[in-house]
Structure formats: C-alpha cells, structure tokens
C-alpha cells in the first residue's frame, strides 16, 4: 500500500469498525468484542493499522492468546467445522 492508500484506510477505519460491530450484532443477536488488524499487500508492507470496539488491553490479551495458540500448534479449523 502506498501512503495515500494508508491515509484513506486510516480515515475510514472507525466507520468500518462501527459497520462490522453492527453487522456482527445483527447476525448473532448481540454485540461482541472484536479487533480488526489490517496490513499492506500480503505482508509486503509493514505498516499495520488497527480498529476495535474493546479496550486496547483486552484486544492485546486476546490477540496474544491467539498467537500463543498458533505457536502451540492450534489447528486452523473454523468453529462450525469442529467435530
């Protein structure tokens, strides 16, 4: 992503997060905490942008738990496909 694309994304992230929060609540019937992490072209760009509807510390804790799971060999299986 170039600087102009990063700026455009940065200006829209709060709007995107509000729409995502609304869409999740509409689909499951209530609000859930989330964090959205966006980076450039499939890892080529090291500029990372973030939005979420929870406190930063809570998002960090959950992202670290996810990373710990990945590092520990947690399989990448969607919940709906678990047996």
Protein backbone atom coordinates (compact mmCIF):
# COMPACT_ATOMS: atom_id res chain seq x y z
CA UNK A 1 0.00 0.00 0.00
CA UNK A 2 1.21 3.48 -0.70
CA UNK A 3 0.87 6.43 1.70
CA UNK A 4 -2.32 7.66 0.02
CA UNK A 5 -3.98 4.25 0.45
CA UNK A 6 -2.88 4.07 4.09
CA UNK A 7 -4.33 7.53 4.73
CA UNK A 8 -7.61 6.62 3.03
CA UNK A 9 -7.84 3.46 5.14
CA UNK A 10 -6.94 5.32 8.33
CA UNK A 11 -9.72 7.84 7.71
CA UNK A 12 -12.25 5.03 7.22
CA UNK A 13 -11.27 2.57 9.96
CA UNK A 14 -13.66 3.85 12.65
CA UNK A 15 -16.54 3.72 10.15
CA UNK A 16 -15.55 0.21 9.07
CA UNK A 17 -15.35 -0.92 12.71
CA UNK A 18 -18.81 0.51 13.52
CA UNK A 19 -20.31 -1.26 10.49
CA UNK A 20 -18.60 -4.52 11.44
CA UNK A 21 -19.85 -4.23 15.02
CA UNK A 22 -23.40 -3.60 13.74
CA UNK A 23 -23.20 -6.47 11.23
CA UNK A 24 -21.98 -8.96 13.84
CA UNK A 25 -24.73 -7.91 16.28
CA UNK A 26 -27.38 -8.17 13.57
CA UNK A 27 -26.26 -11.66 12.59
CA UNK A 28 -25.98 -13.20 16.06
CA UNK A 29 -28.34 -11.02 18.08
CA UNK A 30 -25.90 -9.19 20.34
CA UNK A 31 -22.66 -7.22 20.39
CA UNK A 32 -19.29 -8.99 20.60
CA UNK A 33 -15.86 -7.56 21.23
CA UNK A 34 -13.53 -7.62 18.24
CA UNK A 35 -10.32 -6.26 16.85
CA UNK A 36 -9.51 -5.77 13.20
CA UNK A 37 -5.87 -5.71 12.12
CA UNK A 38 -5.04 -4.63 8.59
CA UNK A 39 -1.68 -4.55 6.86
CA UNK A 40 -0.49 -4.00 3.32
CA UNK A 41 -0.20 -6.26 0.37
CA UNK A 42 0.04 -9.71 1.96
CA UNK A 43 2.94 -8.91 4.25
CA UNK A 44 4.98 -6.78 1.88
CA UNK A 45 4.10 -3.61 3.78
CA UNK A 46 4.99 -3.41 7.47
CA UNK A 47 2.52 -0.61 8.23
CA UNK A 48 -0.20 -2.14 10.38
CA UNK A 49 -3.49 -0.43 11.18
CA UNK A 50 -5.93 -1.50 13.87
CA UNK A 51 -9.52 -0.82 14.94
CA UNK A 52 -11.67 -2.45 17.57
CA UNK A 53 -14.62 -1.95 19.85
CA UNK A 54 -12.95 -3.12 23.05
CA UNK A 55 -10.29 -1.64 25.27
CA UNK A 56 -6.81 -1.88 23.81
CA UNK A 57 -5.56 -4.03 26.71
CA UNK A 58 -8.40 -6.53 26.18
CA UNK A 59 -7.68 -6.71 22.45
CA UNK A 60 -3.98 -7.22 23.14
CA UNK A 61 -4.70 -10.01 25.62
CA UNK A 62 -6.94 -11.85 23.14
CA UNK A 63 -4.56 -11.36 20.20
CA UNK A 64 -1.69 -12.71 22.31
CA UNK A 65 -3.82 -15.71 23.28
CA UNK A 66 -4.48 -16.36 19.59
CA UNK A 67 -0.78 -16.07 18.74
CA UNK A 68 0.14 -18.36 21.66
CA UNK A 69 -2.37 -20.88 20.32
CA UNK A 70 -0.87 -20.68 16.84
CA UNK A 71 2.65 -21.07 18.22
CA UNK A 72 1.44 -24.04 20.25
CA UNK A 73 0.12 -25.80 17.17
CA UNK A 74 -3.56 -24.91 17.45
CA UNK A 75 -5.21 -26.17 14.26
CA UNK A 76 -6.77 -23.64 11.92
CA UNK A 77 -10.25 -25.15 11.91
CA UNK A 78 -13.34 -22.89 11.86
CA UNK A 79 -15.62 -23.43 14.87
CA UNK A 80 -18.52 -24.60 12.68
CA UNK A 81 -16.33 -27.39 11.26
CA UNK A 82 -15.24 -28.81 14.61
CA UNK A 83 -16.50 -32.27 15.47
